[in-house]
Every structure is written in structure tokens, then in C-alpha cells.
All heavy atoms as atom14 arrays in JSON, in Angstrom:
{
  "sequence": "SEVLQNAISQTIQTGRQADAAMTQAAVGKAELVDVVTAIAAAEVAL",
  "atom14_mask": [
    [1, 1, 1, 1, 1, 1, 0, 0, 0, 0, 0, 0, 0, 0],
    [1, 1, 1, 1, 1, 1, 1, 1, 1, 0, 0, 0, 0, 0],
    [1, 1, 1, 1, 1, 1, 1, 0, 0, 0, 0, 0, 0, 0],
    [1, 1, 1, 1, 1, 1, 1, 1, 0, 0, 0, 0, 0, 0],
    [1, 1, 1, 1, 1, 1, 1, 1, 1, 0, 0, 0, 0, 0],
    [1, 1, 1, 1, 1, 1, 1, 1, 0, 0, 0, 0, 0, 0],
    [1, 1, 1, 1, 1, 0, 0, 0, 0, 0, 0, 0, 0, 0],
    [1, 1, 1, 1, 1, 1, 1, 1, 0, 0, 0, 0, 0, 0],
    [1, 1, 1, 1, 1, 1, 0, 0, 0, 0, 0, 0, 0, 0],
    [1, 1, 1, 1, 1, 1, 1, 1, 1, 0, 0, 0, 0, 0],
    [1, 1, 1, 1, 1, 1, 1, 0, 0, 0, 0, 0, 0, 0],
    [1, 1, 1, 1, 1, 1, 1, 1, 0, 0, 0, 0, 0, 0],
    [1, 1, 1, 1, 1, 1, 1, 1, 1, 0, 0, 0, 0, 0],
    [1, 1, 1, 1, 1, 1, 1, 0, 0, 0, 0, 0, 0, 0],
    [1, 1, 1, 1, 0, 0, 0, 0, 0, 0, 0, 0, 0, 0],
    [1, 1, 1, 1, 1, 1, 1, 1, 1, 1, 1, 0, 0, 0],
    [1, 1, 1, 1, 1, 1, 1, 1, 1, 0, 0, 0, 0, 0],
    [1, 1, 1, 1, 1, 0, 0, 0, 0, 0, 0, 0, 0, 0],
    [1, 1, 1, 1, 1, 1, 1, 1, 0, 0, 0, 0, 0, 0],
    [1, 1, 1, 1, 1, 0, 0, 0, 0, 0, 0, 0, 0, 0],
    [1, 1, 1, 1, 1, 0, 0, 0, 0, 0, 0, 0, 0, 0],
    [1, 1, 1, 1, 1, 1, 1, 1, 0, 0, 0, 0, 0, 0],
    [1, 1, 1, 1, 1, 1, 1, 0, 0, 0, 0, 0, 0, 0],
    [1, 1, 1, 1, 1, 1, 1, 1, 1, 0, 0, 0, 0, 0],
    [1, 1, 1, 1, 1, 0, 0, 0, 0, 0, 0, 0, 0, 0],
    [1, 1, 1, 1, 1, 0, 0, 0, 0, 0, 0, 0, 0, 0],
    [1, 1, 1, 1, 1, 1, 1, 0, 0, 0, 0, 0, 0, 0],
    [1, 1, 1, 1, 0, 0, 0, 0, 0, 0, 0, 0, 0, 0],
    [1, 1, 1, 1, 1, 1, 1, 1, 1, 0, 0, 0, 0, 0],
    [1, 1, 1, 1, 1, 0, 0, 0, 0, 0, 0, 0, 0, 0],
    [1, 1, 1, 1, 1, 1, 1, 1, 1, 0, 0, 0, 0, 0],
    [1, 1, 1, 1, 1, 1, 1, 1, 0, 0, 0, 0, 0, 0],
    [1, 1, 1, 1, 1, 1, 1, 0, 0, 0, 0, 0, 0, 0],
    [1, 1, 1, 1, 1, 1, 1, 1, 0, 0, 0, 0, 0, 0],
    [1, 1, 1, 1, 1, 1, 1, 0, 0, 0, 0, 0, 0, 0],
    [1, 1, 1, 1, 1, 1, 1, 0, 0, 0, 0, 0, 0, 0],
    [1, 1, 1, 1, 1, 1, 1, 0, 0, 0, 0, 0, 0, 0],
    [1, 1, 1, 1, 1, 0, 0, 0, 0, 0, 0, 0, 0, 0],
    [1, 1, 1, 1, 1, 1, 1, 1, 0, 0, 0, 0, 0, 0],
    [1, 1, 1, 1, 1, 0, 0, 0, 0, 0, 0, 0, 0, 0],
    [1, 1, 1, 1, 1, 0, 0, 0, 0, 0, 0, 0, 0, 0],
    [1, 1, 1, 1, 1, 0, 0, 0, 0, 0, 0, 0, 0, 0],
    [1, 1, 1, 1, 1, 1, 1, 1, 1, 0, 0, 0, 0, 0],
    [1, 1, 1, 1, 1, 1, 1, 0, 0, 0, 0, 0, 0, 0],
    [1, 1, 1, 1, 1, 0, 0, 0, 0, 0, 0, 0, 0, 0],
    [1, 1, 1, 1, 1, 1, 1, 1, 0, 0, 0, 0, 0, 0]
  ],
  "atom14_positions": [
    [[107.41, 97.45, 99.02], [105.99, 97.42, 99.39], [105.4, 98.83, 99.47], [104.26, 99.05, 99.08], [105.79, 96.69, 100.72], [106.44, 97.38, 101.77], [0.0, 0.0, 0.0], [0.0, 0.0, 0.0], [0.0, 0.0, 0.0], [0.0, 0.0, 0.0], [0.0, 0.0, 0.0], [0.0, 0.0, 0.0], [0.0, 0.0, 0.0], [0.0, 0.0, 0.0]],
    [[106.2, 99.79, 99.95], [105.72, 101.17, 100.0], [105.51, 101.74, 98.61], [104.53, 102.44, 98.36], [106.73, 102.05, 100.76], [106.22, 102.54, 102.09], [107.26, 103.41, 102.76], [107.22, 104.64, 102.51], [108.07, 102.89, 103.51], [0.0, 0.0, 0.0], [0.0, 0.0, 0.0], [0.0, 0.0, 0.0], [0.0, 0.0, 0.0], [0.0, 0.0, 0.0]],
    [[106.45, 101.45, 97.71], [106.32, 101.92, 96.32], [105.07, 101.31, 95.7], [104.3, 101.99, 95.02], [107.58, 101.56, 95.51], [107.38, 101.83, 94.03], [108.78, 102.33, 96.03], [0.0, 0.0, 0.0], [0.0, 0.0, 0.0], [0.0, 0.0, 0.0], [0.0, 0.0, 0.0], [0.0, 0.0, 0.0], [0.0, 0.0, 0.0], [0.0, 0.0, 0.0]],
    [[104.86, 100.03, 95.95], [103.69, 99.34, 95.42], [102.4, 99.91, 96.0], [101.43, 100.14, 95.28], [103.79, 97.85, 95.7], [102.87, 96.94, 94.92], [103.06, 97.12, 93.42], [103.13, 95.49, 95.31], [0.0, 0.0, 0.0], [0.0, 0.0, 0.0], [0.0, 0.0, 0.0], [0.0, 0.0, 0.0], [0.0, 0.0, 0.0], [0.0, 0.0, 0.0]],
    [[102.39, 100.18, 97.3], [101.2, 100.77, 97.93], [100.91, 102.15, 97.35], [99.74, 102.49, 97.11], [101.39, 100.87, 99.43], [101.25, 99.56, 100.15], [101.53, 99.67, 101.64], [102.22, 100.58, 102.09], [101.0, 98.74, 102.41], [0.0, 0.0, 0.0], [0.0, 0.0, 0.0], [0.0, 0.0, 0.0], [0.0, 0.0, 0.0], [0.0, 0.0, 0.0]],
    [[101.94, 102.94, 97.11], [101.75, 104.26, 96.51], [101.18, 104.15, 95.11], [100.29, 104.92, 94.73], [103.06, 105.04, 96.5], [103.49, 105.49, 97.87], [102.68, 105.56, 98.79], [104.76, 105.77, 98.03], [0.0, 0.0, 0.0], [0.0, 0.0, 0.0], [0.0, 0.0, 0.0], [0.0, 0.0, 0.0], [0.0, 0.0, 0.0], [0.0, 0.0, 0.0]],
    [[101.68, 103.2, 94.34], [101.18, 103.01, 92.98], [99.71, 102.59, 92.99], [98.91, 103.07, 92.19], [102.02, 101.98, 92.25], [0.0, 0.0, 0.0], [0.0, 0.0, 0.0], [0.0, 0.0, 0.0], [0.0, 0.0, 0.0], [0.0, 0.0, 0.0], [0.0, 0.0, 0.0], [0.0, 0.0, 0.0], [0.0, 0.0, 0.0], [0.0, 0.0, 0.0]],
    [[99.36, 101.7, 93.91], [97.97, 101.27, 94.03], [97.08, 102.43, 94.45], [96.0, 102.63, 93.89], [97.85, 100.09, 95.0], [98.51, 98.84, 94.4], [96.39, 99.8, 95.35], [98.67, 97.7, 95.37], [0.0, 0.0, 0.0], [0.0, 0.0, 0.0], [0.0, 0.0, 0.0], [0.0, 0.0, 0.0], [0.0, 0.0, 0.0], [0.0, 0.0, 0.0]],
    [[97.55, 103.22, 95.4], [96.79, 104.39, 95.85], [96.56, 105.38, 94.71], [95.47, 105.93, 94.56], [97.5, 105.08, 97.0], [97.56, 104.24, 98.11], [0.0, 0.0, 0.0], [0.0, 0.0, 0.0], [0.0, 0.0, 0.0], [0.0, 0.0, 0.0], [0.0, 0.0, 0.0], [0.0, 0.0, 0.0], [0.0, 0.0, 0.0], [0.0, 0.0, 0.0]],
    [[97.6, 105.6, 93.91], [97.47, 106.51, 92.77], [96.49, 105.97, 91.74], [95.72, 106.73, 91.15], [98.83, 106.77, 92.13], [99.73, 107.63, 92.98], [101.12, 107.8, 92.37], [101.46, 107.15, 91.39], [101.9, 108.68, 92.95], [0.0, 0.0, 0.0], [0.0, 0.0, 0.0], [0.0, 0.0, 0.0], [0.0, 0.0, 0.0], [0.0, 0.0, 0.0]],
    [[96.49, 104.66, 91.53], [95.56, 104.05, 90.6], [94.13, 104.21, 91.09], [93.23, 104.56, 90.32], [95.89, 102.55, 90.41], [97.22, 102.44, 89.91], [94.93, 101.89, 89.45], [0.0, 0.0, 0.0], [0.0, 0.0, 0.0], [0.0, 0.0, 0.0], [0.0, 0.0, 0.0], [0.0, 0.0, 0.0], [0.0, 0.0, 0.0], [0.0, 0.0, 0.0]],
    [[93.93, 103.99, 92.37], [92.59, 104.16, 92.96], [92.15, 105.61, 92.84], [91.0, 105.9, 92.48], [92.58, 103.68, 94.42], [92.75, 102.17, 94.47], [91.29, 104.12, 95.14], [93.0, 101.61, 95.87], [0.0, 0.0, 0.0], [0.0, 0.0, 0.0], [0.0, 0.0, 0.0], [0.0, 0.0, 0.0], [0.0, 0.0, 0.0], [0.0, 0.0, 0.0]],
    [[93.05, 106.54, 93.13], [92.72, 107.96, 93.03], [92.36, 108.36, 91.6], [91.43, 109.12, 91.39], [93.9, 108.82, 93.54], [93.61, 110.29, 93.57], [92.46, 110.66, 94.5], [92.2, 110.0, 95.49], [91.77, 111.72, 94.17], [0.0, 0.0, 0.0], [0.0, 0.0, 0.0], [0.0, 0.0, 0.0], [0.0, 0.0, 0.0], [0.0, 0.0, 0.0]],
    [[93.08, 107.81, 90.63], [92.78, 108.1, 89.24], [91.4, 107.6, 88.87], [90.64, 108.27, 88.17], [93.85, 107.46, 88.32], [95.13, 107.94, 88.7], [93.61, 107.8, 86.87], [0.0, 0.0, 0.0], [0.0, 0.0, 0.0], [0.0, 0.0, 0.0], [0.0, 0.0, 0.0], [0.0, 0.0, 0.0], [0.0, 0.0, 0.0], [0.0, 0.0, 0.0]],
    [[91.03, 106.42, 89.37], [89.69, 105.88, 89.13], [88.62, 106.75, 89.77], [87.57, 106.99, 89.16], [0.0, 0.0, 0.0], [0.0, 0.0, 0.0], [0.0, 0.0, 0.0], [0.0, 0.0, 0.0], [0.0, 0.0, 0.0], [0.0, 0.0, 0.0], [0.0, 0.0, 0.0], [0.0, 0.0, 0.0], [0.0, 0.0, 0.0], [0.0, 0.0, 0.0]],
    [[88.9, 107.23, 90.95], [87.93, 108.11, 91.63], [87.76, 109.43, 90.88], [86.66, 109.98, 90.81], [88.38, 108.38, 93.06], [88.19, 107.16, 93.95], [88.59, 107.44, 95.37], [88.37, 106.23, 96.17], [89.02, 105.94, 97.26], [89.94, 106.78, 97.73], [88.77, 104.83, 97.92], [0.0, 0.0, 0.0], [0.0, 0.0, 0.0], [0.0, 0.0, 0.0]],
    [[88.86, 109.94, 90.33], [88.78, 111.17, 89.54], [87.93, 110.95, 88.28], [87.15, 111.83, 87.89], [90.17, 111.66, 89.17], [90.94, 112.21, 90.34], [92.41, 112.5, 90.01], [92.91, 112.11, 88.96], [93.09, 113.15, 90.93], [0.0, 0.0, 0.0], [0.0, 0.0, 0.0], [0.0, 0.0, 0.0], [0.0, 0.0, 0.0], [0.0, 0.0, 0.0]],
    [[88.08, 109.78, 87.67], [87.26, 109.46, 86.49], [85.79, 109.37, 86.89], [84.92, 109.88, 86.17], [87.73, 108.16, 85.86], [0.0, 0.0, 0.0], [0.0, 0.0, 0.0], [0.0, 0.0, 0.0], [0.0, 0.0, 0.0], [0.0, 0.0, 0.0], [0.0, 0.0, 0.0], [0.0, 0.0, 0.0], [0.0, 0.0, 0.0], [0.0, 0.0, 0.0]],
    [[85.51, 108.74, 88.02], [84.12, 108.66, 88.51], [83.55, 110.05, 88.76], [82.4, 110.33, 88.4], [84.04, 107.84, 89.79], [84.24, 106.36, 89.56], [84.11, 105.9, 88.41], [84.54, 105.65, 90.55], [0.0, 0.0, 0.0], [0.0, 0.0, 0.0], [0.0, 0.0, 0.0], [0.0, 0.0, 0.0], [0.0, 0.0, 0.0], [0.0, 0.0, 0.0]],
    [[84.36, 110.91, 89.38], [83.9, 112.27, 89.66], [83.63, 113.03, 88.37], [82.63, 113.77, 88.27], [84.93, 113.0, 90.51], [0.0, 0.0, 0.0], [0.0, 0.0, 0.0], [0.0, 0.0, 0.0], [0.0, 0.0, 0.0], [0.0, 0.0, 0.0], [0.0, 0.0, 0.0], [0.0, 0.0, 0.0], [0.0, 0.0, 0.0], [0.0, 0.0, 0.0]],
    [[84.49, 112.85, 87.38], [84.29, 113.53, 86.09], [83.01, 113.05, 85.42], [82.26, 113.85, 84.85], [85.5, 113.3, 85.19], [0.0, 0.0, 0.0], [0.0, 0.0, 0.0], [0.0, 0.0, 0.0], [0.0, 0.0, 0.0], [0.0, 0.0, 0.0], [0.0, 0.0, 0.0], [0.0, 0.0, 0.0], [0.0, 0.0, 0.0], [0.0, 0.0, 0.0]],
    [[82.76, 111.74, 85.5], [81.52, 111.2, 84.91], [80.29, 111.74, 85.62], [79.29, 112.07, 84.98], [81.52, 109.67, 84.95], [82.49, 109.05, 83.96], [82.37, 107.27, 83.84], [82.92, 106.76, 85.46], [0.0, 0.0, 0.0], [0.0, 0.0, 0.0], [0.0, 0.0, 0.0], [0.0, 0.0, 0.0], [0.0, 0.0, 0.0], [0.0, 0.0, 0.0]],
    [[80.37, 111.84, 86.94], [79.26, 112.38, 87.72], [79.0, 113.84, 87.35], [77.85, 114.26, 87.17], [79.53, 112.26, 89.23], [79.77, 110.88, 89.54], [78.38, 112.78, 90.05], [0.0, 0.0, 0.0], [0.0, 0.0, 0.0], [0.0, 0.0, 0.0], [0.0, 0.0, 0.0], [0.0, 0.0, 0.0], [0.0, 0.0, 0.0], [0.0, 0.0, 0.0]],
    [[80.08, 114.61, 87.24], [79.95, 116.02, 86.87], [79.35, 116.16, 85.46], [78.54, 117.05, 85.22], [81.31, 116.72, 86.93], [81.85, 116.87, 88.34], [80.98, 117.76, 89.2], [80.49, 118.79, 88.75], [80.78, 117.36, 90.44], [0.0, 0.0, 0.0], [0.0, 0.0, 0.0], [0.0, 0.0, 0.0], [0.0, 0.0, 0.0], [0.0, 0.0, 0.0]],
    [[79.75, 115.28, 84.55], [79.2, 115.34, 83.19], [77.72, 114.96, 83.19], [76.94, 115.52, 82.41], [79.98, 114.41, 82.28], [0.0, 0.0, 0.0], [0.0, 0.0, 0.0], [0.0, 0.0, 0.0], [0.0, 0.0, 0.0], [0.0, 0.0, 0.0], [0.0, 0.0, 0.0], [0.0, 0.0, 0.0], [0.0, 0.0, 0.0], [0.0, 0.0, 0.0]],
    [[77.34, 114.04, 84.05], [75.94, 113.6, 84.11], [75.02, 114.74, 84.54], [73.86, 114.79, 84.11], [75.79, 112.42, 85.06], [0.0, 0.0, 0.0], [0.0, 0.0, 0.0], [0.0, 0.0, 0.0], [0.0, 0.0, 0.0], [0.0, 0.0, 0.0], [0.0, 0.0, 0.0], [0.0, 0.0, 0.0], [0.0, 0.0, 0.0], [0.0, 0.0, 0.0]],
    [[75.52, 115.64, 85.36], [74.7, 116.77, 85.81], [74.98, 118.02, 84.99], [74.48, 119.1, 85.32], [74.9, 117.04, 87.33], [74.4, 115.89, 88.16], [76.33, 117.39, 87.66], [0.0, 0.0, 0.0], [0.0, 0.0, 0.0], [0.0, 0.0, 0.0], [0.0, 0.0, 0.0], [0.0, 0.0, 0.0], [0.0, 0.0, 0.0], [0.0, 0.0, 0.0]],
    [[75.79, 117.87, 83.95], [76.03, 118.98, 83.03], [77.07, 119.98, 83.49], [77.09, 121.11, 83.01], [0.0, 0.0, 0.0], [0.0, 0.0, 0.0], [0.0, 0.0, 0.0], [0.0, 0.0, 0.0], [0.0, 0.0, 0.0], [0.0, 0.0, 0.0], [0.0, 0.0, 0.0], [0.0, 0.0, 0.0], [0.0, 0.0, 0.0], [0.0, 0.0, 0.0]],
    [[77.95, 119.61, 84.4], [78.94, 120.53, 84.93], [80.35, 120.26, 84.44], [81.3, 120.86, 84.92], [78.93, 120.51, 86.46], [77.64, 121.02, 87.05], [77.71, 121.06, 88.55], [76.42, 121.6, 89.13], [76.47, 121.67, 90.59], [0.0, 0.0, 0.0], [0.0, 0.0, 0.0], [0.0, 0.0, 0.0], [0.0, 0.0, 0.0], [0.0, 0.0, 0.0]],
    [[80.5, 119.33, 83.49], [81.85, 119.0, 82.99], [81.8, 118.83, 81.48], [80.78, 118.44, 80.92], [82.37, 117.73, 83.65], [0.0, 0.0, 0.0], [0.0, 0.0, 0.0], [0.0, 0.0, 0.0], [0.0, 0.0, 0.0], [0.0, 0.0, 0.0], [0.0, 0.0, 0.0], [0.0, 0.0, 0.0], [0.0, 0.0, 0.0], [0.0, 0.0, 0.0]],
    [[82.92, 119.13, 80.86], [83.04, 118.95, 79.42], [83.3, 117.47, 79.1], [83.95, 116.77, 79.88], [84.2, 119.79, 78.89], [83.99, 121.28, 79.04], [82.87, 121.8, 78.14], [82.72, 121.29, 77.02], [82.14, 122.69, 78.59], [0.0, 0.0, 0.0], [0.0, 0.0, 0.0], [0.0, 0.0, 0.0], [0.0, 0.0, 0.0], [0.0, 0.0, 0.0]],
    [[82.82, 117.04, 77.97], [82.99, 115.65, 77.56], [84.47, 115.3, 77.39], [84.89, 114.2, 77.76], [82.23, 115.4, 76.25], [82.24, 113.96, 75.76], [81.63, 113.03, 76.8], [81.49, 113.86, 74.44], [0.0, 0.0, 0.0], [0.0, 0.0, 0.0], [0.0, 0.0, 0.0], [0.0, 0.0, 0.0], [0.0, 0.0, 0.0], [0.0, 0.0, 0.0]],
    [[85.26, 116.23, 76.89], [86.68, 115.95, 76.69], [87.39, 115.69, 78.03], [88.28, 114.85, 78.12], [87.37, 117.09, 75.9], [87.47, 118.36, 76.73], [88.74, 116.65, 75.41], [0.0, 0.0, 0.0], [0.0, 0.0, 0.0], [0.0, 0.0, 0.0], [0.0, 0.0, 0.0], [0.0, 0.0, 0.0], [0.0, 0.0, 0.0], [0.0, 0.0, 0.0]],
    [[86.96, 116.37, 79.09], [87.54, 116.13, 80.42], [87.18, 114.73, 80.92], [88.01, 114.06, 81.54], [87.04, 117.17, 81.41], [87.52, 118.58, 81.06], [88.59, 118.69, 80.42], [86.82, 119.54, 81.42], [0.0, 0.0, 0.0], [0.0, 0.0, 0.0], [0.0, 0.0, 0.0], [0.0, 0.0, 0.0], [0.0, 0.0, 0.0], [0.0, 0.0, 0.0]],
    [[85.96, 114.31, 80.65], [85.52, 112.98, 81.07], [86.31, 111.9, 80.32], [86.81, 110.95, 80.92], [84.01, 112.79, 80.84], [83.57, 111.37, 81.15], [83.22, 113.79, 81.66], [0.0, 0.0, 0.0], [0.0, 0.0, 0.0], [0.0, 0.0, 0.0], [0.0, 0.0, 0.0], [0.0, 0.0, 0.0], [0.0, 0.0, 0.0], [0.0, 0.0, 0.0]],
    [[86.44, 112.08, 79.01], [87.18, 111.09, 78.21], [88.64, 111.03, 78.64], [89.21, 109.95, 78.75], [87.05, 111.44, 76.7], [87.97, 110.58, 75.86], [85.61, 111.29, 76.25], [0.0, 0.0, 0.0], [0.0, 0.0, 0.0], [0.0, 0.0, 0.0], [0.0, 0.0, 0.0], [0.0, 0.0, 0.0], [0.0, 0.0, 0.0], [0.0, 0.0, 0.0]],
    [[89.23, 112.17, 78.93], [90.62, 112.21, 79.38], [90.78, 111.5, 80.73], [91.72, 110.73, 80.92], [91.11, 113.67, 79.5], [90.96, 114.31, 78.23], [92.56, 113.73, 79.92], [0.0, 0.0, 0.0], [0.0, 0.0, 0.0], [0.0, 0.0, 0.0], [0.0, 0.0, 0.0], [0.0, 0.0, 0.0], [0.0, 0.0, 0.0], [0.0, 0.0, 0.0]],
    [[89.86, 111.74, 81.64], [89.92, 111.11, 82.97], [89.74, 109.6, 82.85], [90.43, 108.83, 83.52], [88.86, 111.7, 83.89], [0.0, 0.0, 0.0], [0.0, 0.0, 0.0], [0.0, 0.0, 0.0], [0.0, 0.0, 0.0], [0.0, 0.0, 0.0], [0.0, 0.0, 0.0], [0.0, 0.0, 0.0], [0.0, 0.0, 0.0], [0.0, 0.0, 0.0]],
    [[88.82, 109.17, 82.0], [88.59, 107.73, 81.82], [89.82, 107.08, 81.18], [90.22, 105.99, 81.58], [87.32, 107.48, 80.99], [86.1, 107.89, 81.81], [87.22, 106.02, 80.56], [84.8, 107.88, 81.04], [0.0, 0.0, 0.0], [0.0, 0.0, 0.0], [0.0, 0.0, 0.0], [0.0, 0.0, 0.0], [0.0, 0.0, 0.0], [0.0, 0.0, 0.0]],
    [[90.41, 107.75, 80.2], [91.61, 107.21, 79.55], [92.75, 107.08, 80.55], [93.49, 106.08, 80.55], [92.01, 108.08, 78.37], [0.0, 0.0, 0.0], [0.0, 0.0, 0.0], [0.0, 0.0, 0.0], [0.0, 0.0, 0.0], [0.0, 0.0, 0.0], [0.0, 0.0, 0.0], [0.0, 0.0, 0.0], [0.0, 0.0, 0.0], [0.0, 0.0, 0.0]],
    [[92.92, 108.07, 81.41], [93.97, 108.02, 82.42], [93.73, 106.87, 83.4], [94.66, 106.16, 83.78], [94.05, 109.34, 83.18], [0.0, 0.0, 0.0], [0.0, 0.0, 0.0], [0.0, 0.0, 0.0], [0.0, 0.0, 0.0], [0.0, 0.0, 0.0], [0.0, 0.0, 0.0], [0.0, 0.0, 0.0], [0.0, 0.0, 0.0], [0.0, 0.0, 0.0]],
    [[92.48, 106.67, 83.79], [92.14, 105.57, 84.69], [92.39, 104.23, 84.02], [92.89, 103.28, 84.65], [90.68, 105.67, 85.13], [0.0, 0.0, 0.0], [0.0, 0.0, 0.0], [0.0, 0.0, 0.0], [0.0, 0.0, 0.0], [0.0, 0.0, 0.0], [0.0, 0.0, 0.0], [0.0, 0.0, 0.0], [0.0, 0.0, 0.0], [0.0, 0.0, 0.0]],
    [[92.07, 104.13, 82.74], [92.31, 102.89, 82.0], [93.8, 102.57, 81.91], [94.21, 101.43, 82.13], [91.71, 103.0, 80.6], [91.83, 101.74, 79.79], [91.2, 101.86, 78.41], [90.81, 102.98, 78.01], [91.1, 100.82, 77.75], [0.0, 0.0, 0.0], [0.0, 0.0, 0.0], [0.0, 0.0, 0.0], [0.0, 0.0, 0.0], [0.0, 0.0, 0.0]],
    [[94.61, 103.58, 81.62], [96.06, 103.37, 81.54], [96.61, 102.96, 82.9], [97.44, 102.05, 83.0], [96.76, 104.64, 81.02], [98.26, 104.56, 81.2], [96.43, 104.88, 79.57], [0.0, 0.0, 0.0], [0.0, 0.0, 0.0], [0.0, 0.0, 0.0], [0.0, 0.0, 0.0], [0.0, 0.0, 0.0], [0.0, 0.0, 0.0], [0.0, 0.0, 0.0]],
    [[96.16, 103.61, 83.97], [96.62, 103.26, 85.31], [96.26, 101.83, 85.67], [97.08, 101.08, 86.22], [96.03, 104.23, 86.33], [0.0, 0.0, 0.0], [0.0, 0.0, 0.0], [0.0, 0.0, 0.0], [0.0, 0.0, 0.0], [0.0, 0.0, 0.0], [0.0, 0.0, 0.0], [0.0, 0.0, 0.0], [0.0, 0.0, 0.0], [0.0, 0.0, 0.0]],
    [[95.04, 101.43, 85.34], [94.61, 100.06, 85.65], [95.39, 99.04, 84.82], [95.82, 98.01, 85.35], [93.11, 99.91, 85.4], [92.51, 98.56, 85.77], [92.73, 98.26, 87.25], [91.03, 98.52, 85.43], [0.0, 0.0, 0.0], [0.0, 0.0, 0.0], [0.0, 0.0, 0.0], [0.0, 0.0, 0.0], [0.0, 0.0, 0.0], [0.0, 0.0, 0.0]]
  ]
}
């Protein structure tokens, strides 16, 4: 259960990082490649 909780937490964190990257890109503070990489990582985790 602890391993599973850690995996879920990491998946949630990866999703939050993708959201943050998208937000940064929306205001012009992030590169598109960083956003695509973060979204791809979130997709793989999910």
C-alpha cells in the first residue's frame, strides 16, 4: 500500500508539473519543448 501510495503521489506530482509548465508557457516564460516533455511524462505516468 505504501508503494502504491508513493506511485500515485508521483503521478499526481507529474501532472502538476505538466500543469505548471503549461501555465508558464501561456505567459511566455517556458519553452514549448519543455511543455511537450512535461505533458508526455504526465501521460506516461497516467
